PDB file of all heavy atoms in Angstrom:
ATOM      1  N   SER A   1       0.836  -1.211   0.000  1.00  0.00           N
ATOM      2  CA  SER A   1       0.000   0.000   0.000  1.00  0.00           C
ATOM      3  C   SER A   1       0.868   1.256   0.000  1.00  0.00           C
ATOM      4  O   SER A   1       0.541   2.247  -0.663  1.00  0.00           O
ATOM      5  CB  SER A   1      -0.929   0.015   1.221  1.00  0.00           C
ATOM      6  OG  SER A   1      -1.901  -1.002   1.135  1.00  0.00           O
ATOM      7  N   THR A   2       1.963   1.216   0.747  1.00  0.00           N
ATOM      8  CA  THR A   2       2.891   2.353   0.770  1.00  0.00           C
ATOM      9  C   THR A   2       3.490   2.590  -0.611  1.00  0.00           C
ATOM     10  O   THR A   2       3.566   3.734  -1.090  1.00  0.00           O
ATOM     11  CB  THR A   2       4.013   2.098   1.792  1.00  0.00           C
ATOM     12  OG1 THR A   2       3.434   1.938   3.093  1.00  0.00           O
ATOM     13  CG2 THR A   2       5.009   3.253   1.820  1.00  0.00           C
ATOM     14  N   LEU A   3       3.885   1.507  -1.279  1.00  0.00           N
ATOM     15  CA  LEU A   3       4.428   1.639  -2.629  1.00  0.00           C
ATOM     16  C   LEU A   3       3.365   2.132  -3.606  1.00  0.00           C
ATOM     17  O   LEU A   3       3.670   2.912  -4.522  1.00  0.00           O
ATOM     18  CB  LEU A   3       5.006   0.295  -3.098  1.00  0.00           C
ATOM     19  CG  LEU A   3       6.196  -0.243  -2.290  1.00  0.00           C
ATOM     20  CD1 LEU A   3       6.632  -1.598  -2.830  1.00  0.00           C
ATOM     21  CD2 LEU A   3       7.369   0.733  -2.320  1.00  0.00           C
ATOM     22  N   GLU A   4       2.149   1.692  -3.413  1.00  0.00           N
ATOM     23  CA  GLU A   4       1.025   2.163  -4.241  1.00  0.00           C
ATOM     24  C   GLU A   4       0.845   3.669  -4.102  1.00  0.00           C
ATOM     25  O   GLU A   4       0.642   4.385  -5.096  1.00  0.00           O
ATOM     26  CB  GLU A   4      -0.260   1.435  -3.815  1.00  0.00           C
ATOM     27  CG  GLU A   4      -1.529   1.908  -4.506  1.00  0.00           C
ATOM     28  CD  GLU A   4      -1.708   1.350  -5.901  1.00  0.00           C
ATOM     29  OE1 GLU A   4      -0.886   0.500  -6.307  1.00  0.00           O
ATOM     30  OE2 GLU A   4      -2.664   1.750  -6.586  1.00  0.00           O
ATOM     31  N   GLU A   5       0.930   4.160  -2.886  1.00  0.00           N
ATOM     32  CA  GLU A   5       0.792   5.601  -2.646  1.00  0.00           C
ATOM     33  C   GLU A   5       1.895   6.388  -3.352  1.00  0.00           C
ATOM     34  O   GLU A   5       1.652   7.469  -3.896  1.00  0.00           O
ATOM     35  CB  GLU A   5       0.827   5.889  -1.146  1.00  0.00           C
ATOM     36  CG  GLU A   5      -0.410   5.418  -0.388  1.00  0.00           C
ATOM     37  CD  GLU A   5      -0.273   5.618   1.109  1.00  0.00           C
ATOM     38  OE1 GLU A   5       0.617   6.404   1.529  1.00  0.00           O
ATOM     39  OE2 GLU A   5      -1.032   4.985   1.866  1.00  0.00           O
ATOM     40  N   ILE A   6       3.095   5.841  -3.334  1.00  0.00           N
ATOM     41  CA  ILE A   6       4.216   6.518  -3.986  1.00  0.00           C
ATOM     42  C   ILE A   6       3.978   6.636  -5.485  1.00  0.00           C
ATOM     43  O   ILE A   6       4.150   7.708  -6.079  1.00  0.00           O
ATOM     44  CB  ILE A   6       5.534   5.774  -3.697  1.00  0.00           C
ATOM     45  CG1 ILE A   6       5.910   5.951  -2.223  1.00  0.00           C
ATOM     46  CG2 ILE A   6       6.660   6.268  -4.597  1.00  0.00           C
ATOM     47  CD1 ILE A   6       6.958   4.990  -1.732  1.00  0.00           C
ATOM     48  N   LEU A   7       3.563   5.541  -6.115  1.00  0.00           N
ATOM     49  CA  LEU A   7       3.268   5.591  -7.547  1.00  0.00           C
ATOM     50  C   LEU A   7       2.141   6.575  -7.844  1.00  0.00           C
ATOM     51  O   LEU A   7       2.179   7.300  -8.841  1.00  0.00           O
ATOM     52  CB  LEU A   7       2.910   4.197  -8.069  1.00  0.00           C
ATOM     53  CG  LEU A   7       4.065   3.201  -8.229  1.00  0.00           C
ATOM     54  CD1 LEU A   7       3.526   1.837  -8.613  1.00  0.00           C
ATOM     55  CD2 LEU A   7       5.065   3.681  -9.267  1.00  0.00           C
ATOM     56  N   GLY A   8       1.142   6.610  -6.966  1.00  0.00           N
ATOM     57  CA  GLY A   8       0.031   7.541  -7.141  1.00  0.00           C
ATOM     58  C   GLY A   8       0.469   8.991  -7.054  1.00  0.00           C
ATOM     59  O   GLY A   8       0.053   9.831  -7.858  1.00  0.00           O
ATOM     60  N   CYS A   9       1.320   9.285  -6.093  1.00  0.00           N
ATOM     61  CA  CYS A   9       1.814  10.663  -5.926  1.00  0.00           C
ATOM     62  C   CYS A   9       2.704  11.084  -7.093  1.00  0.00           C
ATOM     63  O   CYS A   9       2.665  12.231  -7.536  1.00  0.00           O
ATOM     64  CB  CYS A   9       2.583  10.792  -4.615  1.00  0.00           C
ATOM     65  SG  CYS A   9       1.547  10.680  -3.146  1.00  0.00           S
ATOM     66  N   GLN A  10       3.490  10.145  -7.598  1.00  0.00           N
ATOM     67  CA  GLN A  10       4.373  10.455  -8.719  1.00  0.00           C
ATOM     68  C   GLN A  10       3.616  10.571 -10.030  1.00  0.00           C
ATOM     69  O   GLN A  10       4.037  11.277 -10.953  1.00  0.00           O
ATOM     70  CB  GLN A  10       5.434   9.350  -8.871  1.00  0.00           C
ATOM     71  CG  GLN A  10       6.435   9.278  -7.747  1.00  0.00           C
ATOM     72  CD  GLN A  10       7.468   8.169  -7.968  1.00  0.00           C
ATOM     73  OE1 GLN A  10       8.341   7.972  -7.151  1.00  0.00           O
ATOM     74  NE2 GLN A  10       7.383   7.442  -9.076  1.00  0.00           N
ATOM     75  N   ASN A  11       2.518   9.803 -10.118  1.00  0.00           N
ATOM     76  CA  ASN A  11       1.738   9.717 -11.357  1.00  0.00           C
ATOM     77  C   ASN A  11       2.609   9.220 -12.513  1.00  0.00           C
ATOM     78  O   ASN A  11       2.578   9.752 -13.624  1.00  0.00           O
ATOM     79  CB  ASN A  11       1.110  11.074 -11.706  1.00  0.00           C
ATOM     80  CG  ASN A  11       0.008  10.934 -12.750  1.00  0.00           C
ATOM     81  OD1 ASN A  11      -0.656   9.902 -12.849  1.00  0.00           O
ATOM     82  ND2 ASN A  11      -0.186  11.970 -13.548  1.00  0.00           N
ATOM     83  N   THR A  12       3.418   8.202 -12.231  1.00  0.00           N
ATOM     84  CA  THR A  12       4.269   7.576 -13.247  1.00  0.00           C
ATOM     85  C   THR A  12       4.080   6.068 -13.196  1.00  0.00           C
ATOM     86  O   THR A  12       3.645   5.513 -12.179  1.00  0.00           O
ATOM     87  CB  THR A  12       5.754   7.895 -13.010  1.00  0.00           C
ATOM     88  OG1 THR A  12       6.140   7.412 -11.707  1.00  0.00           O
ATOM     89  CG2 THR A  12       6.029   9.387 -13.106  1.00  0.00           C
ATOM     90  N   ILE A  13       4.417   5.401 -14.296  1.00  0.00           N
ATOM     91  CA  ILE A  13       4.335   3.934 -14.333  1.00  0.00           C
ATOM     92  C   ILE A  13       5.426   3.308 -13.481  1.00  0.00           C
ATOM     93  O   ILE A  13       5.198   2.349 -12.746  1.00  0.00           O
ATOM     94  CB  ILE A  13       4.442   3.416 -15.778  1.00  0.00           C
ATOM     95  CG1 ILE A  13       3.228   3.838 -16.605  1.00  0.00           C
ATOM     96  CG2 ILE A  13       4.581   1.890 -15.797  1.00  0.00           C
ATOM     97  CD1 ILE A  13       1.935   3.184 -16.193  1.00  0.00           C
ATOM     98  N   PHE A  14       6.635   3.864 -13.574  1.00  0.00           N
ATOM     99  CA  PHE A  14       7.796   3.278 -12.897  1.00  0.00           C
ATOM    100  C   PHE A  14       8.177   4.090 -11.667  1.00  0.00           C
ATOM    101  O   PHE A  14       7.869   5.282 -11.578  1.00  0.00           O
ATOM    102  CB  PHE A  14       8.978   3.195 -13.865  1.00  0.00           C
ATOM    103  CG  PHE A  14       8.700   2.339 -15.068  1.00  0.00           C
ATOM    104  CD1 PHE A  14       8.421   2.926 -16.296  1.00  0.00           C
ATOM    105  CD2 PHE A  14       8.692   0.963 -14.972  1.00  0.00           C
ATOM    106  CE1 PHE A  14       8.145   2.151 -17.414  1.00  0.00           C
ATOM    107  CE2 PHE A  14       8.412   0.169 -16.078  1.00  0.00           C
ATOM    108  CZ  PHE A  14       8.132   0.762 -17.302  1.00  0.00           C
ATOM    109  N   PHE A  15       8.867   3.444 -10.743  1.00  0.00           N
ATOM    110  CA  PHE A  15       9.252   4.137  -9.515  1.00  0.00           C
ATOM    111  C   PHE A  15      10.295   5.217  -9.781  1.00  0.00           C
ATOM    112  O   PHE A  15      10.369   6.191  -9.042  1.00  0.00           O
ATOM    113  CB  PHE A  15       9.766   3.131  -8.481  1.00  0.00           C
ATOM    114  CG  PHE A  15       8.669   2.344  -7.838  1.00  0.00           C
ATOM    115  CD1 PHE A  15       8.335   1.081  -8.311  1.00  0.00           C
ATOM    116  CD2 PHE A  15       7.943   2.873  -6.787  1.00  0.00           C
ATOM    117  CE1 PHE A  15       7.299   0.352  -7.730  1.00  0.00           C
ATOM    118  CE2 PHE A  15       6.901   2.159  -6.204  1.00  0.00           C
ATOM    119  CZ  PHE A  15       6.576   0.893  -6.682  1.00  0.00           C
ATOM    120  N   GLY A  16      11.077   5.034 -10.857  1.00  0.00           N
ATOM    121  CA  GLY A  16      12.075   6.035 -11.184  1.00  0.00           C
ATOM    122  C   GLY A  16      11.572   7.132 -12.099  1.00  0.00           C
ATOM    123  O   GLY A  16      12.319   8.051 -12.416  1.00  0.00           O
ATOM    124  N   GLY A  17      10.319   7.045 -12.546  1.00  0.00           N
ATOM    125  CA  GLY A  17       9.776   8.055 -13.457  1.00  0.00           C
ATOM    126  C   GLY A  17       9.064   7.421 -14.629  1.00  0.00           C
ATOM    127  O   GLY A  17       8.352   6.430 -14.477  1.00  0.00           O
ATOM    128  N   ASP A  18       9.293   7.968 -15.826  1.00  0.00           N
ATOM    129  CA  ASP A  18       8.582   7.507 -17.014  1.00  0.00           C
ATOM    130  C   ASP A  18       9.226   6.303 -17.686  1.00  0.00           C
ATOM    131  O   ASP A  18       8.649   5.728 -18.606  1.00  0.00           O
ATOM    132  CB  ASP A  18       8.471   8.659 -18.031  1.00  0.00           C
ATOM    133  CG  ASP A  18       7.588   9.795 -17.507  1.00  0.00           C
ATOM    134  OD1 ASP A  18       6.603   9.493 -16.813  1.00  0.00           O
ATOM    135  OD2 ASP A  18       7.910  10.963 -17.779  1.00  0.00           O
ATOM    136  N   CYS A  19      10.416   5.932 -17.265  1.00  0.00           N
ATOM    137  CA  CYS A  19      11.065   4.746 -17.829  1.00  0.00           C
ATOM    138  C   CYS A  19      11.758   3.977 -16.706  1.00  0.00           C
ATOM    139  O   CYS A  19      11.982   4.496 -15.614  1.00  0.00           O
ATOM    140  CB  CYS A  19      12.057   5.119 -18.930  1.00  0.00           C
ATOM    141  SG  CYS A  19      13.385   6.207 -18.388  1.00  0.00           S
ATOM    142  N   ILE A  20      12.096   2.723 -16.997  1.00  0.00           N
ATOM    143  CA  ILE A  20      12.727   1.862 -15.993  1.00  0.00           C
ATOM    144  C   ILE A  20      14.088   2.424 -15.591  1.00  0.00           C
ATOM    145  O   ILE A  20      14.860   2.882 -16.430  1.00  0.00           O
ATOM    146  CB  ILE A  20      12.894   0.442 -16.551  1.00  0.00           C
ATOM    147  CG1 ILE A  20      11.535  -0.245 -16.674  1.00  0.00           C
ATOM    148  CG2 ILE A  20      13.814  -0.391 -15.664  1.00  0.00           C
ATOM    149  CD1 ILE A  20      11.608  -1.650 -17.239  1.00  0.00           C
ATOM    150  N   SER A  21      14.360   2.382 -14.301  1.00  0.00           N
ATOM    151  CA  SER A  21      15.668   2.793 -13.798  1.00  0.00           C
ATOM    152  C   SER A  21      16.119   1.809 -12.723  1.00  0.00           C
ATOM    153  O   SER A  21      15.486   0.776 -12.494  1.00  0.00           O
ATOM    154  CB  SER A  21      15.622   4.233 -13.276  1.00  0.00           C
ATOM    155  OG  SER A  21      14.734   4.328 -12.182  1.00  0.00           O
ATOM    156  N   MET A  22      17.198   2.135 -12.058  1.00  0.00           N
ATOM    157  CA  MET A  22      17.796   1.221 -11.097  1.00  0.00           C
ATOM    158  C   MET A  22      16.806   0.740 -10.038  1.00  0.00           C
ATOM    159  O   MET A  22      16.731  -0.454  -9.723  1.00  0.00           O
ATOM    160  CB  MET A  22      19.002   1.899 -10.425  1.00  0.00           C
ATOM    161  CG  MET A  22      19.712   1.031  -9.397  1.00  0.00           C
ATOM    162  SD  MET A  22      20.502  -0.428 -10.110  1.00  0.00           S
ATOM    163  CE  MET A  22      21.954   0.313 -10.869  1.00  0.00           C
ATOM    164  N   ILE A  23      16.030   1.643  -9.483  1.00  0.00           N
ATOM    165  CA  ILE A  23      15.137   1.272  -8.377  1.00  0.00           C
ATOM    166  C   ILE A  23      14.120   0.213  -8.792  1.00  0.00           C
ATOM    167  O   ILE A  23      13.794  -0.688  -8.023  1.00  0.00           O
ATOM    168  CB  ILE A  23      14.446   2.531  -7.783  1.00  0.00           C
ATOM    169  CG1 ILE A  23      13.769   2.187  -6.459  1.00  0.00           C
ATOM    170  CG2 ILE A  23      13.467   3.154  -8.769  1.00  0.00           C
ATOM    171  CD1 ILE A  23      14.717   1.823  -5.349  1.00  0.00           C
ATOM    172  N   ASP A  24      13.639   0.290 -10.028  1.00  0.00           N
ATOM    173  CA  ASP A  24      12.674  -0.697 -10.511  1.00  0.00           C
ATOM    174  C   ASP A  24      13.302  -2.087 -10.572  1.00  0.00           C
ATOM    175  O   ASP A  24      12.683  -3.074 -10.177  1.00  0.00           O
ATOM    176  CB  ASP A  24      12.149  -0.291 -11.891  1.00  0.00           C
ATOM    177  CG  ASP A  24      11.451   1.052 -11.868  1.00  0.00           C
ATOM    178  OD1 ASP A  24      10.340   1.125 -11.314  1.00  0.00           O
ATOM    179  OD2 ASP A  24      12.023   2.032 -12.382  1.00  0.00           O
ATOM    180  N   TYR A  25      14.534  -2.159 -11.076  1.00  0.00           N
ATOM    181  CA  TYR A  25      15.215  -3.449 -11.128  1.00  0.00           C
ATOM    182  C   TYR A  25      15.522  -3.984  -9.723  1.00  0.00           C
ATOM    183  O   TYR A  25      15.467  -5.201  -9.493  1.00  0.00           O
ATOM    184  CB  TYR A  25      16.513  -3.335 -11.929  1.00  0.00           C
ATOM    185  CG  TYR A  25      16.311  -3.213 -13.419  1.00  0.00           C
ATOM    186  CD1 TYR A  25      16.877  -2.159 -14.136  1.00  0.00           C
ATOM    187  CD2 TYR A  25      15.572  -4.159 -14.130  1.00  0.00           C
ATOM    188  CE1 TYR A  25      16.716  -2.050 -15.511  1.00  0.00           C
ATOM    189  CE2 TYR A  25      15.400  -4.060 -15.504  1.00  0.00           C
ATOM    190  CZ  TYR A  25      15.967  -2.998 -16.191  1.00  0.00           C
ATOM    191  OH  TYR A  25      15.808  -2.903 -17.548  1.00  0.00           O
ATOM    192  N   LEU A  26      15.840  -3.091  -8.794  1.00  0.00           N
ATOM    193  CA  LEU A  26      16.143  -3.543  -7.429  1.00  0.00           C
ATOM    194  C   LEU A  26      14.909  -4.104  -6.731  1.00  0.00           C
ATOM    195  O   LEU A  26      15.011  -5.005  -5.890  1.00  0.00           O
ATOM    196  CB  LEU A  26      16.739  -2.394  -6.616  1.00  0.00           C
ATOM    197  CG  LEU A  26      18.106  -1.878  -7.068  1.00  0.00           C
ATOM    198  CD1 LEU A  26      18.568  -0.732  -6.174  1.00  0.00           C
ATOM    199  CD2 LEU A  26      19.155  -2.989  -7.081  1.00  0.00           C
ATOM    200  N   PHE A  27      13.733  -3.589  -7.062  1.00  0.00           N
ATOM    201  CA  PHE A  27      12.481  -4.095  -6.482  1.00  0.00           C
ATOM    202  C   PHE A  27      12.023  -5.400  -7.134  1.00  0.00           C
ATOM    203  O   PHE A  27      11.408  -6.255  -6.474  1.00  0.00           O
ATOM    204  CB  PHE A  27      11.349  -3.072  -6.681  1.00  0.00           C
ATOM    205  CG  PHE A  27      11.387  -1.872  -5.783  1.00  0.00           C
ATOM    206  CD1 PHE A  27      12.381  -1.672  -4.838  1.00  0.00           C
ATOM    207  CD2 PHE A  27      10.397  -0.892  -5.887  1.00  0.00           C
ATOM    208  CE1 PHE A  27      12.401  -0.551  -4.020  1.00  0.00           C
ATOM    209  CE2 PHE A  27      10.397   0.231  -5.071  1.00  0.00           C
ATOM    210  CZ  PHE A  27      11.399   0.406  -4.149  1.00  0.00           C
ATOM    211  N   TRP A  28      12.252  -5.534  -8.430  1.00  0.00           N
ATOM    212  CA  TRP A  28      11.549  -6.527  -9.238  1.00  0.00           C
ATOM    213  C   TRP A  28      11.634  -7.980  -8.763  1.00  0.00           C
ATOM    214  O   TRP A  28      10.609  -8.693  -8.780  1.00  0.00           O
ATOM    215  CB  TRP A  28      11.992  -6.448 -10.708  1.00  0.00           C
ATOM    216  CG  TRP A  28      11.351  -7.539 -11.524  1.00  0.00           C
ATOM    217  CD1 TRP A  28      11.948  -8.620 -12.091  1.00  0.00           C
ATOM    218  CD2 TRP A  28       9.959  -7.666 -11.792  1.00  0.00           C
ATOM    219  NE1 TRP A  28      11.021  -9.410 -12.718  1.00  0.00           N
ATOM    220  CE2 TRP A  28       9.784  -8.848 -12.541  1.00  0.00           C
ATOM    221  CE3 TRP A  28       8.827  -6.901 -11.470  1.00  0.00           C
ATOM    222  CZ2 TRP A  28       8.539  -9.292 -12.981  1.00  0.00           C
ATOM    223  CZ3 TRP A  28       7.582  -7.336 -11.912  1.00  0.00           C
ATOM    224  CH2 TRP A  28       7.439  -8.513 -12.654  1.00  0.00           C
ATOM    225  N   PRO A  29      12.781  -8.527  -8.373  1.00  0.00           N
ATOM    226  CA  PRO A  29      12.832  -9.964  -8.084  1.00  0.00           C
ATOM    227  C   PRO A  29      11.775 -10.461  -7.103  1.00  0.00           C
ATOM    228  O   PRO A  29      11.268 -11.581  -7.248  1.00  0.00           O
ATOM    229  CB  PRO A  29      14.249 -10.145  -7.527  1.00  0.00           C
ATOM    230  CG  PRO A  29      15.041  -9.086  -8.233  1.00  0.00           C
ATOM    231  CD  PRO A  29      14.120  -7.900  -8.282  1.00  0.00           C
ATOM    232  N   TRP A  30      11.405  -9.660  -6.124  1.00  0.00           N
ATOM    233  CA  TRP A  30      10.416 -10.108  -5.145  1.00  0.00           C
ATOM    234  C   TRP A  30       9.003 -10.088  -5.724  1.00  0.00           C
ATOM    235  O   TRP A  30       8.172 -10.903  -5.349  1.00  0.00           O
ATOM    236  CB  TRP A  30      10.523  -9.262  -3.874  1.00  0.00           C
ATOM    237  CG  TRP A  30      11.761  -9.650  -3.135  1.00  0.00           C
ATOM    238  CD1 TRP A  30      11.878 -10.631  -2.172  1.00  0.00           C
ATOM    239  CD2 TRP A  30      13.087  -9.160  -3.355  1.00  0.00           C
ATOM    240  NE1 TRP A  30      13.185 -10.753  -1.773  1.00  0.00           N
ATOM    241  CE2 TRP A  30      13.956  -9.870  -2.478  1.00  0.00           C
ATOM    242  CE3 TRP A  30      13.630  -8.181  -4.181  1.00  0.00           C
ATOM    243  CZ2 TRP A  30      15.323  -9.629  -2.420  1.00  0.00           C
ATOM    244  CZ3 TRP A  30      14.994  -7.945  -4.127  1.00  0.00           C
ATOM    245  CH2 TRP A  30      15.826  -8.667  -3.262  1.00  0.00           C
ATOM    246  N   PHE A  31       8.741  -9.205  -6.658  1.00  0.00           N
ATOM    247  CA  PHE A  31       7.430  -9.185  -7.303  1.00  0.00           C
ATOM    248  C   PHE A  31       7.290 -10.337  -8.289  1.00  0.00           C
ATOM    249  O   PHE A  31       6.212 -10.903  -8.431  1.00  0.00           O
ATOM    250  CB  PHE A  31       7.187  -7.833  -7.976  1.00  0.00           C
ATOM    251  CG  PHE A  31       6.925  -6.740  -6.991  1.00  0.00           C
ATOM    252  CD1 PHE A  31       7.963  -5.950  -6.523  1.00  0.00           C
ATOM    253  CD2 PHE A  31       5.648  -6.520  -6.495  1.00  0.00           C
ATOM    254  CE1 PHE A  31       7.734  -4.952  -5.577  1.00  0.00           C
ATOM    255  CE2 PHE A  31       5.409  -5.529  -5.552  1.00  0.00           C
ATOM    256  CZ  PHE A  31       6.455  -4.750  -5.098  1.00  0.00           C
ATOM    257  N   GLU A  32       8.372 -10.673  -8.970  1.00  0.00           N
ATOM    258  CA  GLU A  32       8.322 -11.826  -9.878  1.00  0.00           C
ATOM    259  C   GLU A  32       7.992 -13.104  -9.108  1.00  0.00           C
ATOM    260  O   GLU A  32       7.369 -14.015  -9.648  1.00  0.00           O
ATOM    261  CB  GLU A  32       9.659 -11.981 -10.615  1.00  0.00           C
ATOM    262  CG  GLU A  32       9.650 -13.108 -11.626  1.00  0.00           C
ATOM    263  CD  GLU A  32      10.921 -13.181 -12.446  1.00  0.00           C
ATOM    264  OE1 GLU A  32      11.384 -12.125 -12.925  1.00  0.00           O
ATOM    265  OE2 GLU A  32      11.449 -14.301 -12.618  1.00  0.00           O
ATOM    266  N   ARG A  33       8.380 -13.171  -7.842  1.00  0.00           N
ATOM    267  CA  ARG A  33       8.185 -14.382  -7.049  1.00  0.00           C
ATOM    268  C   ARG A  33       6.839 -14.468  -6.341  1.00  0.00           C
ATOM    269  O   ARG A  33       6.530 -15.493  -5.733  1.00  0.00           O
ATOM    270  CB  ARG A  33       9.330 -14.488  -6.020  1.00  0.00           C
ATOM    271  CG  ARG A  33      10.642 -14.906  -6.653  1.00  0.00           C
ATOM    272  CD  ARG A  33      11.856 -14.497  -5.841  1.00  0.00           C
ATOM    273  NE  ARG A  33      13.079 -15.023  -6.421  1.00  0.00           N
ATOM    274  CZ  ARG A  33      13.650 -14.566  -7.544  1.00  0.00           C
ATOM    275  NH1 ARG A  33      13.088 -13.550  -8.191  1.00  0.00           N
ATOM    276  NH2 ARG A  33      14.754 -15.105  -8.020  1.00  0.00           N
ATOM    277  N   LEU A  34       6.028 -13.427  -6.377  1.00  0.00           N
ATOM    278  CA  LEU A  34       4.759 -13.442  -5.630  1.00  0.00           C
ATOM    279  C   LEU A  34       3.884 -14.631  -6.017  1.00  0.00           C
ATOM    280  O   LEU A  34       3.316 -15.308  -5.156  1.00  0.00           O
ATOM    281  CB  LEU A  34       3.997 -12.135  -5.849  1.00  0.00           C
ATOM    282  CG  LEU A  34       4.595 -10.862  -5.249  1.00  0.00           C
ATOM    283  CD1 LEU A  34       3.691  -9.673  -5.542  1.00  0.00           C
ATOM    284  CD2 LEU A  34       4.829 -11.000  -3.751  1.00  0.00           C
ATOM    285  N   ASP A  35       3.760 -14.887  -7.301  1.00  0.00           N
ATOM    286  CA  ASP A  35       2.887 -15.967  -7.761  1.00  0.00           C
ATOM    287  C   ASP A  35       3.415 -17.328  -7.339  1.00  0.00           C
ATOM    288  O   ASP A  35       2.689 -18.136  -6.754  1.00  0.00           O
ATOM    289  CB  ASP A  35       2.738 -15.892  -9.285  1.00  0.00           C
ATOM    290  CG  ASP A  35       1.746 -16.922  -9.815  1.00  0.00           C
ATOM    291  OD1 ASP A  35       0.786 -17.252  -9.094  1.00  0.00           O
ATOM    292  OD2 ASP A  35       1.921 -17.385 -10.956  1.00  0.00           O
ATOM    293  N   VAL A  36       4.701 -17.578  -7.594  1.00  0.00           N
ATOM    294  CA  VAL A  36       5.252 -18.883  -7.264  1.00  0.00           C
ATOM    295  C   VAL A  36       5.318 -19.101  -5.751  1.00  0.00           C
ATOM    296  O   VAL A  36       5.240 -20.240  -5.275  1.00  0.00           O
ATOM    297  CB  VAL A  36       6.642 -19.067  -7.930  1.00  0.00           C
ATOM    298  CG1 VAL A  36       7.716 -18.293  -7.211  1.00  0.00           C
ATOM    299  CG2 VAL A  36       7.013 -20.532  -8.038  1.00  0.00           C
ATOM    300  N   TYR A  37       5.408 -18.020  -4.976  1.00  0.00           N
ATOM    301  CA  TYR A  37       5.383 -18.138  -3.519  1.00  0.00           C
ATOM    302  C   TYR A  37       3.963 -18.338  -2.977  1.00  0.00           C
ATOM    303  O   TYR A  37       3.796 -18.649  -1.792  1.00  0.00           O
ATOM    304  CB  TYR A  37       5.969 -16.880  -2.868  1.00  0.00           C
ATOM    305  CG  TYR A  37       7.479 -16.778  -2.892  1.00  0.00           C
ATOM    306  CD1 TYR A  37       8.274 -17.656  -3.636  1.00  0.00           C
ATOM    307  CD2 TYR A  37       8.122 -15.780  -2.171  1.00  0.00           C
ATOM    308  CE1 TYR A  37       9.651 -17.533  -3.656  1.00  0.00           C
ATOM    309  CE2 TYR A  37       9.511 -15.661  -2.180  1.00  0.00           C
ATOM    310  CZ  TYR A  37      10.272 -16.537  -2.925  1.00  0.00           C
ATOM    311  OH  TYR A  37      11.643 -16.404  -2.945  1.00  0.00           O
ATOM    312  N   GLY A  38       2.967 -18.104  -3.819  1.00  0.00           N
ATOM    313  CA  GLY A  38       1.580 -18.273  -3.388  1.00  0.00           C
ATOM    314  C   GLY A  38       0.985 -17.071  -2.695  1.00  0.00           C
ATOM    315  O   GLY A  38       0.022 -17.195  -1.937  1.00  0.00           O
ATOM    316  N   ILE A  39       1.534 -15.882  -2.976  1.00  0.00           N
ATOM    317  CA  ILE A  39       1.064 -14.671  -2.278  1.00  0.00           C
ATOM    318  C   ILE A  39       0.729 -13.538  -3.259  1.00  0.00           C
ATOM    319  O   ILE A  39       0.801 -12.365  -2.914  1.00  0.00           O
ATOM    320  CB  ILE A  39       2.093 -14.192  -1.231  1.00  0.00           C
ATOM    321  CG1 ILE A  39       3.504 -14.077  -1.843  1.00  0.00           C
ATOM    322  CG2 ILE A  39       2.115 -15.126  -0.026  1.00  0.00           C
ATOM    323  CD1 ILE A  39       4.552 -13.518  -0.885  1.00  0.00           C
ATOM    324  N   ALA A  40       0.326 -13.921  -4.484  1.00  0.00           N
ATOM    325  CA  ALA A  40      -0.025 -12.907  -5.480  1.00  0.00           C
ATOM    326  C   ALA A  40      -1.249 -12.097  -5.064  1.00  0.00           C
ATOM    327  O   ALA A  40      -1.448 -10.974  -5.545  1.00  0.00           O
ATOM    328  CB  ALA A  40      -0.267 -13.562  -6.842  1.00  0.00           C
ATOM    329  N   ASP A  41      -2.059 -12.650  -4.161  1.00  0.00           N
ATOM    330  CA  ASP A  41      -3.250 -11.922  -3.695  1.00  0.00           C
ATOM    331  C   ASP A  41      -2.887 -10.700  -2.837  1.00  0.00           C
ATOM    332  O   ASP A  41      -3.758  -9.883  -2.529  1.00  0.00           O
ATOM    333  CB  ASP A  41      -4.177 -12.848  -2.903  1.00  0.00           C
ATOM    334  CG  ASP A  41      -3.496 -13.510  -1.719  1.00  0.00           C
ATOM    335  OD1 ASP A  41      -2.269 -13.720  -1.752  1.00  0.00           O
ATOM    336  OD2 ASP A  41      -4.205 -13.838  -0.745  1.00  0.00           O
ATOM    337  N   CYS A  42      -1.616 -10.543  -2.509  1.00  0.00           N
ATOM    338  CA  CYS A  42      -1.201  -9.404  -1.689  1.00  0.00           C
ATOM    339  C   CYS A  42      -1.119  -8.097  -2.471  1.00  0.00           C
ATOM    340  O   CYS A  42      -0.865  -7.045  -1.888  1.00  0.00           O
ATOM    341  CB  CYS A  42       0.140  -9.694  -1.016  1.00  0.00           C
ATOM    342  SG  CYS A  42       0.041 -10.935   0.302  1.00  0.00           S
TER     343      CYS A  42
END
């Protein structure tokens, strides 16, 4: 929810702005694993 608020305040697709940057790649591995971990409903 906190990350959702940040994206909402920025009004951008990516956390770094309008295109992918370092922060997006640093976050990504845990989101890729949500489904296989069984917690995609989060």
